[in-house]
Amino acid sequence: MFDSTFLRVYDTTTGITMGVFFICVAAALVLGAVMALVYCFRTPHTSSFVVTLALLPATVAVVIMLVNGNLGAGVAVAGAFSLVRFRSTPGTAKEITAIFLAMAVGLACGMGYPGFALVFAAVMCIMSLLYALTNFGGRRNAALCRVLRVTVPEDLDYPTVFDDLFEKYTTKAALVSVKTTNLGSLNCLTYDVTLKKAGTEKQFIDELRCRNGNLEISMSLTEQNDRVIL
């Protein structure tokens, strides 16, 4: 009885009935909505991406059902999908993973295995929630990590001029890039720093200004390095 629950709900030799079509599409829509809600948990997101994530499984399922085992149609569909690219900003690794998971659920539903799609979606949603709750892979003291950009005159000996300030206000300070600007008369330094405690940004910047001649200084949250271009 358990195995029969996961049998294919249609056979490619007999075609797809309206009842089977609605079952597969409904399962894809429900699972897509659940996966979209799970993705929203503790993850910055936009409404358009969440709606896309909820509808993607049903879209993939319909395409697979229309192919219905036809090799030529399958090749044509694969070629059409290869031409589709996201024309927005590059997505994060988590966004790309969510898209692939949604497509996998849609493929399972489209192939006539809503039971397998349900189990797969449930397992992945549970693991996603578990990773979010435990901050799996997160950096320790992430709230204190900053990207510091300091503009200094070209003749300033920048490798050591800020060492005492870094020792006073940070537990880690690494110079990650140097860029010349203003026709070479200025250097823009980028540091990856970890503050010793929150709320010291203003004092830190004020003392840096005394060293760099009151030129431009900026401090921001650590940049995301998990961007993926599709």
C-alpha atoms as a PDB file:
ATOM      1  CA  MET A   1       0.000   0.000   0.000  1.00  0.00           C
ATOM      2  CA  PHE A   2       2.855   2.360   0.832  1.00  0.00           C
ATOM      3  CA  ASP A   3       4.552   1.679  -2.503  1.00  0.00           C
ATOM      4  CA  SER A   4       1.313   2.204  -4.401  1.00  0.00           C
ATOM      5  CA  THR A   5       1.119   5.765  -3.082  1.00  0.00           C
ATOM      6  CA  PHE A   6       4.260   6.637  -5.040  1.00  0.00           C
ATOM      7  CA  LEU A   7       3.334   4.930  -8.301  1.00  0.00           C
ATOM      8  CA  ARG A   8       3.172   7.067 -11.409  1.00  0.00           C
ATOM      9  CA  VAL A   9      -0.301   8.560 -11.785  1.00  0.00           C
ATOM     10  CA  TYR A  10      -0.259   8.345 -15.577  1.00  0.00           C
ATOM     11  CA  ASP A  11       1.361   6.309 -18.333  1.00  0.00           C
ATOM     12  CA  THR A  12       2.998   7.920 -21.355  1.00  0.00           C
ATOM     13  CA  THR A  13       1.462   5.271 -23.612  1.00  0.00           C
ATOM     14  CA  THR A  14      -2.117   6.113 -22.609  1.00  0.00           C
ATOM     15  CA  GLY A  15      -1.805   9.881 -22.427  1.00  0.00           C
ATOM     16  CA  ILE A  16      -2.867  12.358 -19.767  1.00  0.00           C
ATOM     17  CA  THR A  17      -6.471  12.779 -18.662  1.00  0.00           C
ATOM     18  CA  MET A  18      -7.889  16.018 -17.301  1.00  0.00           C
ATOM     19  CA  GLY A  19      -8.109  14.496 -13.840  1.00  0.00           C
ATOM     20  CA  VAL A  20      -4.433  13.560 -13.833  1.00  0.00           C
ATOM     21  CA  PHE A  21      -3.522  16.972 -15.228  1.00  0.00           C
ATOM     22  CA  PHE A  22      -5.310  18.786 -12.392  1.00  0.00           C
ATOM     23  CA  ILE A  23      -3.813  16.472  -9.769  1.00  0.00           C
ATOM     24  CA  CYS A  24      -0.257  17.114 -10.958  1.00  0.00           C
ATOM     25  CA  VAL A  25      -0.710  20.870 -11.365  1.00  0.00           C
ATOM     26  CA  ALA A  26      -2.467  21.194  -7.987  1.00  0.00           C
ATOM     27  CA  ALA A  27       0.292  19.248  -6.258  1.00  0.00           C
ATOM     28  CA  ALA A  28       2.935  21.450  -7.908  1.00  0.00           C
ATOM     29  CA  LEU A  29       1.118  24.653  -6.890  1.00  0.00           C
ATOM     30  CA  VAL A  30       0.697  23.552  -3.272  1.00  0.00           C
ATOM     31  CA  LEU A  31       4.279  22.368  -2.919  1.00  0.00           C
ATOM     32  CA  GLY A  32       5.546  25.503  -4.655  1.00  0.00           C
ATOM     33  CA  ALA A  33       3.638  27.719  -2.223  1.00  0.00           C
ATOM     34  CA  VAL A  34       4.994  25.786   0.772  1.00  0.00           C
ATOM     35  CA  MET A  35       8.568  25.999  -0.504  1.00  0.00           C
ATOM     36  CA  ALA A  36       8.168  29.732  -1.148  1.00  0.00           C
ATOM     37  CA  LEU A  37       6.947  30.294   2.432  1.00  0.00           C
ATOM     38  CA  VAL A  38       9.842  28.279   3.826  1.00  0.00           C
ATOM     39  CA  TYR A  39      12.276  30.292   1.719  1.00  0.00           C
ATOM     40  CA  CYS A  40      10.920  33.522   3.264  1.00  0.00           C
ATOM     41  CA  PHE A  41      11.878  32.356   6.766  1.00  0.00           C
ATOM     42  CA  ARG A  42      14.812  34.502   7.927  1.00  0.00           C
ATOM     43  CA  THR A  43      15.800  35.267   4.330  1.00  0.00           C
ATOM     44  CA  PRO A  44      15.689  38.739   2.726  1.00  0.00           C
ATOM     45  CA  HIS A  45      13.408  38.460  -0.279  1.00  0.00           C
ATOM     46  CA  THR A  46      11.271  40.320  -2.776  1.00  0.00           C
ATOM     47  CA  SER A  47       7.625  39.667  -3.530  1.00  0.00           C
ATOM     48  CA  SER A  48       8.311  38.994  -7.217  1.00  0.00           C
ATOM     49  CA  PHE A  49      10.883  36.300  -6.436  1.00  0.00           C
ATOM     50  CA  VAL A  50       8.614  34.560  -3.918  1.00  0.00           C
ATOM     51  CA  VAL A  51       5.708  34.522  -6.400  1.00  0.00           C
ATOM     52  CA  THR A  52       8.037  33.161  -9.079  1.00  0.00           C
ATOM     53  CA  LEU A  53       9.243  30.445  -6.712  1.00  0.00           C
ATOM     54  CA  ALA A  54       5.638  29.458  -5.918  1.00  0.00           C
ATOM     55  CA  LEU A  55       4.586  29.245  -9.579  1.00  0.00           C
ATOM     56  CA  LEU A  56       7.738  27.690 -11.029  1.00  0.00           C
ATOM     57  CA  PRO A  57       6.970  24.042 -10.086  1.00  0.00           C
ATOM     58  CA  ALA A  58       3.558  24.172 -11.779  1.00  0.00           C
ATOM     59  CA  THR A  59       5.064  25.740 -14.901  1.00  0.00           C
ATOM     60  CA  VAL A  60       7.751  23.054 -15.147  1.00  0.00           C
ATOM     61  CA  ALA A  61       5.176  20.323 -14.481  1.00  0.00           C
ATOM     62  CA  VAL A  62       2.944  21.477 -17.354  1.00  0.00           C
ATOM     63  CA  VAL A  63       5.903  21.634 -19.742  1.00  0.00           C
ATOM     64  CA  ILE A  64       6.964  18.095 -18.809  1.00  0.00           C
ATOM     65  CA  MET A  65       3.426  16.781 -19.208  1.00  0.00           C
ATOM     66  CA  LEU A  66       3.132  18.400 -22.646  1.00  0.00           C
ATOM     67  CA  VAL A  67       6.376  16.730 -23.739  1.00  0.00           C
ATOM     68  CA  ASN A  68       4.909  13.404 -22.521  1.00  0.00           C
ATOM     69  CA  GLY A  69       7.869  11.207 -23.444  1.00  0.00           C
ATOM     70  CA  ASN A  70       8.420  12.716 -26.910  1.00  0.00           C
ATOM     71  CA  LEU A  71      12.189  12.868 -27.417  1.00  0.00           C
ATOM     72  CA  GLY A  72      12.041  15.504 -30.148  1.00  0.00           C
ATOM     73  CA  ALA A  73       9.773  17.759 -28.122  1.00  0.00           C
ATOM     74  CA  GLY A  74      12.022  17.267 -25.105  1.00  0.00           C
ATOM     75  CA  VAL A  75      15.072  18.453 -27.054  1.00  0.00           C
ATOM     76  CA  ALA A  76      13.121  21.472 -28.330  1.00  0.00           C
ATOM     77  CA  VAL A  77      11.986  22.389 -24.819  1.00  0.00           C
ATOM     78  CA  ALA A  78      15.543  22.027 -23.482  1.00  0.00           C
ATOM     79  CA  GLY A  79      16.745  24.366 -26.224  1.00  0.00           C
ATOM     80  CA  ALA A  80      14.051  26.900 -25.389  1.00  0.00           C
ATOM     81  CA  PHE A  81      14.929  26.835 -21.698  1.00  0.00           C
ATOM     82  CA  SER A  82      18.615  27.332 -22.535  1.00  0.00           C
ATOM     83  CA  LEU A  83      17.706  30.672 -24.150  1.00  0.00           C
ATOM     84  CA  VAL A  84      15.979  31.940 -21.003  1.00  0.00           C
ATOM     85  CA  ARG A  85      18.170  34.049 -18.739  1.00  0.00           C
ATOM     86  CA  PHE A  86      17.381  36.204 -15.763  1.00  0.00           C
ATOM     87  CA  ARG A  87      17.896  39.820 -16.820  1.00  0.00           C
ATOM     88  CA  SER A  88      17.900  41.149 -13.252  1.00  0.00           C
ATOM     89  CA  THR A  89      20.821  41.474 -10.840  1.00  0.00           C
ATOM     90  CA  PRO A  90      22.866  38.322 -10.213  1.00  0.00           C
ATOM     91  CA  GLY A  91      21.188  36.011  -7.710  1.00  0.00           C
ATOM     92  CA  THR A  92      22.651  34.694  -4.487  1.00  0.00           C
ATOM     93  CA  ALA A  93      23.594  31.048  -4.106  1.00  0.00           C
ATOM     94  CA  LYS A  94      20.522  30.514  -1.921  1.00  0.00           C
ATOM     95  CA  GLU A  95      18.216  31.953  -4.577  1.00  0.00           C
ATOM     96  CA  ILE A  96      19.710  29.722  -7.263  1.00  0.00           C
ATOM     97  CA  THR A  97      19.332  26.683  -4.994  1.00  0.00           C
ATOM     98  CA  ALA A  98      15.682  27.545  -4.321  1.00  0.00           C
ATOM     99  CA  ILE A  99      15.038  27.800  -8.078  1.00  0.00           C
ATOM    100  CA  PHE A 100      16.599  24.399  -8.738  1.00  0.00           C
ATOM    101  CA  LEU A 101      14.626  22.822  -5.881  1.00  0.00           C
ATOM    102  CA  ALA A 102      11.400  24.275  -7.273  1.00  0.00           C
ATOM    103  CA  MET A 103      12.259  22.930 -10.721  1.00  0.00           C
ATOM    104  CA  ALA A 104      12.974  19.473  -9.262  1.00  0.00           C
ATOM    105  CA  VAL A 105       9.552  19.423  -7.574  1.00  0.00           C
ATOM    106  CA  GLY A 106       7.946  20.515 -10.829  1.00  0.00           C
ATOM    107  CA  LEU A 107       9.755  17.769 -12.745  1.00  0.00           C
ATOM    108  CA  ALA A 108       8.555  15.118 -10.289  1.00  0.00           C
ATOM    109  CA  CYS A 109       4.952  16.342 -10.534  1.00  0.00           C
ATOM    110  CA  GLY A 110       5.146  16.617 -14.308  1.00  0.00           C
ATOM    111  CA  MET A 111       6.470  13.079 -14.607  1.00  0.00           C
ATOM    112  CA  GLY A 112       3.469  11.862 -12.610  1.00  0.00           C
ATOM    113  CA  TYR A 113       5.093  11.299  -9.222  1.00  0.00           C
ATOM    114  CA  PRO A 114       3.393  13.763  -6.841  1.00  0.00           C
ATOM    115  CA  GLY A 115       4.114  11.420  -3.916  1.00  0.00           C
ATOM    116  CA  PHE A 116       7.844  11.567  -4.524  1.00  0.00           C
ATOM    117  CA  ALA A 117       7.590  15.336  -5.020  1.00  0.00           C
ATOM    118  CA  LEU A 118       5.852  15.646  -1.646  1.00  0.00           C
ATOM    119  CA  VAL A 119       8.517  13.639   0.177  1.00  0.00           C
ATOM    120  CA  PHE A 120      11.358  15.506  -1.530  1.00  0.00           C
ATOM    121  CA  ALA A 121       9.823  18.929  -0.806  1.00  0.00           C
ATOM    122  CA  ALA A 122       9.145  17.995   2.827  1.00  0.00           C
ATOM    123  CA  VAL A 123      12.709  16.821   3.407  1.00  0.00           C
ATOM    124  CA  MET A 124      14.246  19.888   1.776  1.00  0.00           C
ATOM    125  CA  CYS A 125      11.931  22.294   3.630  1.00  0.00           C
ATOM    126  CA  ILE A 126      12.731  20.663   6.979  1.00  0.00           C
ATOM    127  CA  MET A 127      16.464  20.839   6.304  1.00  0.00           C
ATOM    128  CA  SER A 128      16.178  24.451   5.143  1.00  0.00           C
ATOM    129  CA  LEU A 129      14.365  25.433   8.360  1.00  0.00           C
ATOM    130  CA  LEU A 130      16.895  23.512  10.435  1.00  0.00           C
ATOM    131  CA  TYR A 131      19.823  25.285   8.783  1.00  0.00           C
ATOM    132  CA  ALA A 132      18.124  28.665   9.247  1.00  0.00           C
ATOM    133  CA  LEU A 133      17.367  28.047  12.928  1.00  0.00           C
ATOM    134  CA  THR A 134      20.902  26.872  13.705  1.00  0.00           C
ATOM    135  CA  ASN A 135      22.578  29.546  11.523  1.00  0.00           C
ATOM    136  CA  PHE A 136      24.419  26.759   9.743  1.00  0.00           C
ATOM    137  CA  GLY A 137      27.555  28.075   8.040  1.00  0.00           C
ATOM    138  CA  GLY A 138      27.102  31.574   9.469  1.00  0.00           C
ATOM    139  CA  ARG A 139      30.078  33.667  10.537  1.00  0.00           C
ATOM    140  CA  ARG A 140      30.659  34.181  14.220  1.00  0.00           C
ATOM    141  CA  ASN A 141      30.069  37.791  15.281  1.00  0.00           C
ATOM    142  CA  ALA A 142      28.662  38.522  11.825  1.00  0.00           C
ATOM    143  CA  ALA A 143      26.893  41.628  13.177  1.00  0.00           C
ATOM    144  CA  LEU A 144      30.291  43.186  13.949  1.00  0.00           C
ATOM    145  CA  CYS A 145      31.829  42.529  10.526  1.00  0.00           C
ATOM    146  CA  ARG A 146      32.232  45.622   8.367  1.00  0.00           C
ATOM    147  CA  VAL A 147      33.729  46.760   5.082  1.00  0.00           C
ATOM    148  CA  LEU A 148      35.793  49.884   5.704  1.00  0.00           C
ATOM    149  CA  ARG A 149      36.806  52.187   2.845  1.00  0.00           C
ATOM    150  CA  VAL A 150      39.313  54.937   3.565  1.00  0.00           C
ATOM    151  CA  THR A 151      40.588  57.528   1.099  1.00  0.00           C
ATOM    152  CA  VAL A 152      44.137  58.690   1.819  1.00  0.00           C
ATOM    153  CA  PRO A 153      46.612  61.036   0.103  1.00  0.00           C
ATOM    154  CA  GLU A 154      48.970  59.379  -2.342  1.00  0.00           C
ATOM    155  CA  ASP A 155      52.054  60.204  -0.212  1.00  0.00           C
ATOM    156  CA  LEU A 156      50.645  58.718   3.036  1.00  0.00           C
ATOM    157  CA  ASP A 157      52.363  55.552   4.290  1.00  0.00           C
ATOM    158  CA  TYR A 158      49.076  53.663   4.588  1.00  0.00           C
ATOM    159  CA  PRO A 159      50.372  50.118   5.413  1.00  0.00           C
ATOM    160  CA  THR A 160      51.099  51.056   9.044  1.00  0.00           C
ATOM    161  CA  VAL A 161      49.446  54.414   9.685  1.00  0.00           C
ATOM    162  CA  PHE A 162      46.209  52.913  11.069  1.00  0.00           C
ATOM    163  CA  ASP A 163      47.676  49.962  13.000  1.00  0.00           C
ATOM    164  CA  ASP A 164      47.128  51.410  16.488  1.00  0.00           C
ATOM    165  CA  LEU A 165      43.507  52.334  15.655  1.00  0.00           C
ATOM    166  CA  PHE A 166      42.817  48.850  14.307  1.00  0.00           C
ATOM    167  CA  GLU A 167      44.254  47.365  17.486  1.00  0.00           C
ATOM    168  CA  LYS A 168      42.067  49.669  19.589  1.00  0.00           C
ATOM    169  CA  TYR A 169      38.733  49.185  17.816  1.00  0.00           C
ATOM    170  CA  THR A 170      38.914  45.871  15.941  1.00  0.00           C
ATOM    171  CA  THR A 171      39.739  42.229  16.487  1.00  0.00           C
ATOM    172  CA  LYS A 172      40.564  41.752  12.819  1.00  0.00           C
ATOM    173  CA  ALA A 173      41.622  44.164  10.078  1.00  0.00           C
ATOM    174  CA  ALA A 174      42.785  43.007   6.662  1.00  0.00           C
ATOM    175  CA  LEU A 175      43.584  45.195   3.677  1.00  0.00           C
ATOM    176  CA  VAL A 176      41.782  43.575   0.725  1.00  0.00           C
ATOM    177  CA  SER A 177      42.252  46.115  -2.062  1.00  0.00           C
ATOM    178  CA  VAL A 178      43.942  49.381  -3.011  1.00  0.00           C
ATOM    179  CA  LYS A 179      42.700  51.610  -5.826  1.00  0.00           C
ATOM    180  CA  THR A 180      44.039  54.918  -7.067  1.00  0.00           C
ATOM    181  CA  THR A 181      41.621  57.755  -7.734  1.00  0.00           C
ATOM    182  CA  ASN A 182      41.573  61.450  -8.630  1.00  0.00           C
ATOM    183  CA  LEU A 183      44.275  60.998 -11.295  1.00  0.00           C
ATOM    184  CA  GLY A 184      46.516  59.111  -8.889  1.00  0.00           C
ATOM    185  CA  SER A 185      46.605  61.788  -6.195  1.00  0.00           C
ATOM    186  CA  LEU A 186      44.506  59.684  -3.816  1.00  0.00           C
ATOM    187  CA  ASN A 187      44.372  56.026  -2.798  1.00  0.00           C
ATOM    188  CA  CYS A 188      41.151  54.263  -1.863  1.00  0.00           C
ATOM    189  CA  LEU A 189      41.814  51.487   0.671  1.00  0.00           C
ATOM    190  CA  THR A 190      39.308  48.718   1.392  1.00  0.00           C
ATOM    191  CA  TYR A 191      39.574  46.777   4.653  1.00  0.00           C
ATOM    192  CA  ASP A 192      37.688  43.775   5.977  1.00  0.00           C
ATOM    193  CA  VAL A 193      37.326  44.541   9.702  1.00  0.00           C
ATOM    194  CA  THR A 194      35.608  43.028  12.719  1.00  0.00           C
ATOM    195  CA  LEU A 195      34.738  45.496  15.466  1.00  0.00           C
ATOM    196  CA  LYS A 196      35.452  44.655  19.099  1.00  0.00           C
ATOM    197  CA  LYS A 197      32.011  45.864  20.150  1.00  0.00           C
ATOM    198  CA  ALA A 198      28.940  47.449  18.591  1.00  0.00           C
ATOM    199  CA  GLY A 199      28.355  51.207  18.724  1.00  0.00           C
ATOM    200  CA  THR A 200      31.985  52.235  18.270  1.00  0.00           C
ATOM    201  CA  GLU A 201      31.715  53.097  14.589  1.00  0.00           C
ATOM    202  CA  LYS A 202      31.549  56.878  15.111  1.00  0.00           C
ATOM    203  CA  GLN A 203      34.561  57.071  17.406  1.00  0.00           C
ATOM    204  CA  PHE A 204      36.505  54.816  15.055  1.00  0.00           C
ATOM    205  CA  ILE A 205      35.691  56.944  12.003  1.00  0.00           C
ATOM    206  CA  ASP A 206      36.447  60.202  13.861  1.00  0.00           C
ATOM    207  CA  GLU A 207      39.945  59.016  14.738  1.00  0.00           C
ATOM    208  CA  LEU A 208      40.514  57.731  11.201  1.00  0.00           C
ATOM    209  CA  ARG A 209      39.611  61.181   9.847  1.00  0.00           C
ATOM    210  CA  CYS A 210      42.453  62.702  11.854  1.00  0.00           C
ATOM    211  CA  ARG A 211      44.882  60.367  10.076  1.00  0.00           C
ATOM    212  CA  ASN A 212      43.650  60.629   6.477  1.00  0.00           C
ATOM    213  CA  GLY A 213      43.306  64.414   6.286  1.00  0.00           C
ATOM    214  CA  ASN A 214      39.491  64.373   6.680  1.00  0.00           C
ATOM    215  CA  LEU A 215      39.036  62.687   3.302  1.00  0.00           C
ATOM    216  CA  GLU A 216      36.157  60.348   2.500  1.00  0.00           C
ATOM    217  CA  ILE A 217      35.561  57.345   4.792  1.00  0.00           C
ATOM    218  CA  SER A 218      32.732  54.822   4.575  1.00  0.00           C
ATOM    219  CA  MET A 219      31.792  51.788   6.630  1.00  0.00           C
ATOM    220  CA  SER A 220      29.172  49.236   5.595  1.00  0.00           C
ATOM    221  CA  LEU A 221      28.022  45.728   6.375  1.00  0.00           C
ATOM    222  CA  THR A 222      30.093  42.914   4.947  1.00  0.00           C
ATOM    223  CA  GLU A 223      29.391  42.492   1.263  1.00  0.00           C
ATOM    224  CA  GLN A 224      27.804  39.239   0.073  1.00  0.00           C
ATOM    225  CA  ASN A 225      30.266  37.108  -1.843  1.00  0.00           C
ATOM    226  CA  ASP A 226      27.820  34.340  -2.824  1.00  0.00           C
ATOM    227  CA  ARG A 227      26.466  36.033  -5.948  1.00  0.00           C
ATOM    228  CA  VAL A 228      25.960  33.807  -8.960  1.00  0.00           C
ATOM    229  CA  ILE A 229      25.484  35.028 -12.534  1.00  0.00           C
ATOM    230  CA  LEU A 230      22.993  32.997 -14.546  1.00  0.00           C
END
